[in-house]
Protein backbone atom coordinates (compact mmCIF):
# COMPACT_ATOMS: atom_id res chain seq x y z
CA UNK A 1 -21.33 -31.05 -13.04
CA UNK A 2 -24.00 -28.64 -11.68
CA UNK A 3 -22.90 -29.19 -7.97
CA UNK A 4 -19.42 -28.38 -9.10
CA UNK A 5 -20.48 -25.03 -10.77
CA UNK A 6 -22.63 -24.07 -7.75
CA UNK A 7 -19.75 -24.75 -5.50
CA UNK A 8 -17.43 -22.67 -7.54
CA UNK A 9 -19.88 -19.71 -7.78
CA UNK A 10 -20.49 -19.84 -4.06
CA UNK A 11 -16.72 -19.60 -3.55
CA UNK A 12 -16.35 -16.71 -5.88
CA UNK A 13 -19.43 -14.87 -4.46
CA UNK A 14 -17.83 -15.21 -0.81
CA UNK A 15 -14.67 -13.96 -2.16
CA UNK A 16 -16.20 -11.04 -3.88
CA UNK A 17 -18.27 -9.89 -0.74
CA UNK A 18 -14.87 -10.11 1.17
CA UNK A 19 -13.23 -7.87 -1.64
CA UNK A 20 -16.05 -5.62 -1.14
CA UNK A 21 -15.63 -5.45 2.49
CA UNK A 22 -11.86 -4.91 1.96
CA UNK A 23 -12.62 -1.95 -0.59
CA UNK A 24 -14.91 -0.37 2.20
CA UNK A 25 -12.57 -0.65 4.97
CA UNK A 26 -9.79 0.95 2.90
CA UNK A 27 -12.05 3.78 1.39
CA UNK A 28 -13.10 4.51 5.07
CA UNK A 29 -9.54 4.52 5.97
CA UNK A 30 -8.40 7.08 3.20
CA UNK A 31 -11.72 9.27 3.89
CA UNK A 32 -10.71 9.51 7.65
CA UNK A 33 -6.98 10.23 6.85
CA UNK A 34 -8.01 13.03 4.29
CA UNK A 35 -10.68 14.48 6.41
CA UNK A 36 -8.21 14.59 9.51
CA UNK A 37 -5.75 16.42 7.31
CA UNK A 38 -7.99 19.55 7.16
CA UNK A 39 -9.14 19.23 10.77
CA UNK A 40 -7.22 20.90 13.65
CA UNK A 41 -3.63 19.82 14.47
CA UNK A 42 -2.79 22.41 16.77
CA UNK A 43 -4.78 23.93 19.31
CA UNK A 44 -3.58 26.87 21.48
CA UNK A 45 -5.41 28.40 24.31
CA UNK A 46 -5.94 32.21 24.22
CA UNK A 47 -5.96 34.51 27.26
CA UNK A 48 -9.70 35.36 26.74
CA UNK A 49 -10.61 31.52 27.43
CA UNK A 50 -11.04 30.55 23.80
CA UNK A 51 -8.75 28.81 21.53
CA UNK A 52 -6.87 29.12 18.36
CA UNK A 53 -6.95 26.29 15.91
CA UNK A 54 -4.45 25.52 13.07
CA UNK A 55 -5.38 22.90 10.48
CA UNK A 56 -3.29 20.27 9.17
CA UNK A 57 -2.63 22.46 6.03
CA UNK A 58 -2.25 25.67 7.88
CA UNK A 59 -5.44 27.21 7.96
CA UNK A 60 -6.04 29.41 11.39
CA UNK A 61 -9.49 29.58 12.91
CA UNK A 62 -10.90 30.45 16.34
CA UNK A 63 -9.85 33.31 18.77
CA UNK A 64 -7.06 34.88 17.07
CA UNK A 65 -6.01 37.89 14.96
CA UNK A 66 -4.88 35.63 12.30
CA UNK A 67 -8.17 33.73 11.98
CA UNK A 68 -9.14 33.16 8.26
CA UNK A 69 -5.30 33.40 7.23
CA UNK A 70 -3.06 30.53 6.32
CA UNK A 71 -0.24 30.22 8.84
CA UNK A 72 2.14 29.49 6.21
CA UNK A 73 1.66 32.63 4.33
CA UNK A 74 1.95 34.80 7.59
CA UNK A 75 5.28 33.09 8.29
CA UNK A 76 6.40 34.12 4.95
CA UNK A 77 9.23 31.72 4.69
CA UNK A 78 10.41 31.90 8.34
CA UNK A 79 8.63 28.36 9.11
CA UNK A 80 6.23 26.12 8.00
CA UNK A 81 3.25 24.10 9.42
CA UNK A 82 1.85 21.61 7.23
CA UNK A 83 1.62 18.11 8.88
CA UNK A 84 -1.43 17.33 6.99
CA UNK A 85 0.48 17.21 3.67
CA UNK A 86 2.51 14.04 5.06
CA UNK A 87 -0.91 12.31 5.89
CA UNK A 88 -2.55 13.45 2.59
CA UNK A 89 0.64 11.83 0.67
CA UNK A 90 0.02 8.96 2.64
CA UNK A 91 -3.72 8.70 1.80
CA UNK A 92 -2.91 9.16 -1.74
CA UNK A 93 -0.46 6.24 -1.64
CA UNK A 94 -2.93 4.02 0.39
CA UNK A 95 -5.80 5.03 -2.23
CA UNK A 96 -3.82 3.82 -5.30
CA UNK A 97 -2.47 0.72 -3.62
CA UNK A 98 -5.80 -0.10 -2.35
CA UNK A 99 -7.45 0.46 -5.77
CA UNK A 100 -4.77 -1.60 -7.58
CA UNK A 101 -5.35 -4.46 -5.00
CA UNK A 102 -9.16 -4.57 -5.07
CA UNK A 103 -9.52 -3.98 -8.82
CA UNK A 104 -6.87 -6.54 -9.79
CA UNK A 105 -8.78 -9.33 -7.68
CA UNK A 106 -5.50 -11.16 -7.66
CA UNK A 107 -5.90 -14.91 -6.86
CA UNK A 108 -2.10 -15.33 -6.02
CA UNK A 109 -1.60 -15.18 -2.37
CA UNK A 110 1.84 -13.65 -2.83
CA UNK A 111 0.53 -10.55 -4.44
CA UNK A 112 -2.06 -10.13 -1.80
CA UNK A 113 0.51 -10.49 0.91
CA UNK A 114 2.69 -7.97 -0.75
CA UNK A 115 -0.15 -5.42 -0.85
CA UNK A 116 -1.08 -6.15 2.72
CA UNK A 117 2.57 -5.71 3.61
CA UNK A 118 2.64 -2.29 1.92
CA UNK A 119 -0.69 -1.15 3.35
CA UNK A 120 0.69 -2.16 6.83
CA UNK A 121 3.84 -0.05 6.31
CA UNK A 122 1.82 3.02 5.01
CA UNK A 123 -0.57 2.65 8.22
CA UNK A 124 2.45 2.28 10.55
CA UNK A 125 4.08 5.45 9.04
CA UNK A 126 0.83 7.32 9.19
CA UNK A 127 -0.06 6.33 12.90
CA UNK A 128 3.70 7.27 13.89
CA UNK A 129 3.36 10.72 12.22
CA UNK A 130 0.09 11.42 14.03
CA UNK A 131 1.08 10.26 17.41
CA UNK A 132 4.26 12.18 17.05
CA UNK A 133 2.42 15.22 16.05
CA UNK A 134 0.01 14.49 19.00
CA UNK A 135 2.79 14.41 21.66
CA UNK A 136 4.60 17.47 20.25
CA UNK A 137 2.02 19.66 18.11
CA UNK A 138 4.22 22.72 17.56
CA UNK A 139 7.85 21.39 17.30
CA UNK A 140 9.20 24.74 15.99
CA UNK A 141 7.08 26.75 18.74
CA UNK A 142 5.46 28.75 15.90
CA UNK A 143 2.58 30.11 18.04
CA UNK A 144 3.63 29.96 21.55
CA UNK A 145 5.81 28.38 24.19
CA UNK A 146 4.50 24.84 25.20
CA UNK A 147 0.83 25.64 25.65
CA UNK A 148 -0.20 23.90 22.51
CA UNK A 149 -2.00 20.60 22.22
CA UNK A 150 -3.05 18.28 19.34
CA UNK A 151 -6.47 18.55 17.69
CA UNK A 152 -9.05 16.40 16.22
CA UNK A 153 -6.86 15.86 12.91
CA UNK A 154 -4.25 13.60 14.65
CA UNK A 155 -7.37 11.55 16.25
CA UNK A 156 -9.13 11.08 12.96
CA UNK A 157 -5.93 10.27 11.15
CA UNK A 158 -5.19 7.52 13.84
CA UNK A 159 -8.74 6.09 13.35
CA UNK A 160 -8.08 5.92 9.39
CA UNK A 161 -4.75 4.21 10.18
CA UNK A 162 -6.34 1.69 12.34
CA UNK A 163 -8.85 1.02 9.54
CA UNK A 164 -5.78 0.43 7.03
CA UNK A 165 -4.32 -1.86 9.64
CA UNK A 166 -7.47 -3.80 9.46
CA UNK A 167 -7.34 -3.92 5.84
CA UNK A 168 -3.66 -5.00 5.71
CA UNK A 169 -4.74 -7.73 8.23
CA UNK A 170 -7.40 -9.07 5.82
CA UNK A 171 -4.82 -9.12 3.20
CA UNK A 172 -2.08 -10.75 5.24
CA UNK A 173 -4.02 -13.42 7.13
CA UNK A 174 -5.29 -14.76 3.87
CA UNK A 175 -8.96 -13.73 3.93
CA UNK A 176 -8.91 -13.18 0.24
CA UNK A 177 -6.91 -16.25 -0.72
CA UNK A 178 -9.02 -18.54 -3.14
CA UNK A 179 -10.64 -21.21 -1.51
CA UNK A 180 -9.46 -24.78 -2.46
CA UNK A 181 -12.27 -26.91 -3.43
CA UNK A 182 -12.73 -30.05 -1.59
CA UNK A 183 -12.09 -33.19 -3.29
CA UNK A 184 -13.57 -36.52 -2.52
CA UNK A 185 -11.18 -38.89 -1.14
CA UNK A 186 -10.08 -41.72 -3.45
CA UNK A 187 -8.57 -44.92 -2.26
CA UNK A 188 -6.03 -44.94 -5.23
CA UNK A 189 -4.99 -47.61 -7.23
CA UNK A 190 -5.37 -51.03 -5.32
CA UNK A 191 -3.73 -54.22 -5.97
CA UNK A 192 -5.58 -56.88 -7.64
CA UNK A 193 -6.67 -59.63 -5.48
């Protein structure tokens, strides 16, 4: 009886450490995504050789007369630059879903697969948004004609989304599924001789 209890607690301990690993991966994904939203998403070279940087929420810094301002306030309704709000929304959804998955510690593989699928969808959406804004950082040509490039915000968001995909893979491929205890094989009922 003691051996069965030891086997059961060993299986639970291994599963707990995998849940802790999943929690760490998903927290790192959310942290990268949130931090990326506040870093530069738009970098525009200036005539003086410097650069003007605009964060994902519109804060302007660098060599510009607008440094210290929010681009959205300067535009006064004529345009908007808030790509970081999309990733913040994805990070919030990812955080809530991750917390529900890790805290519930479900033993049902179907629930874990559903959570993994939703995490994968959020990660794919965040990756698509970051790549799209990296390839076309200033779609409305708010600050210049075609000389803009992406910044560190997209890169850090992509790192966060890669971590989220790792967490989704852990859920989808069954790393958190409960282990089935091995039973000794029985010969079954044998006919009498």
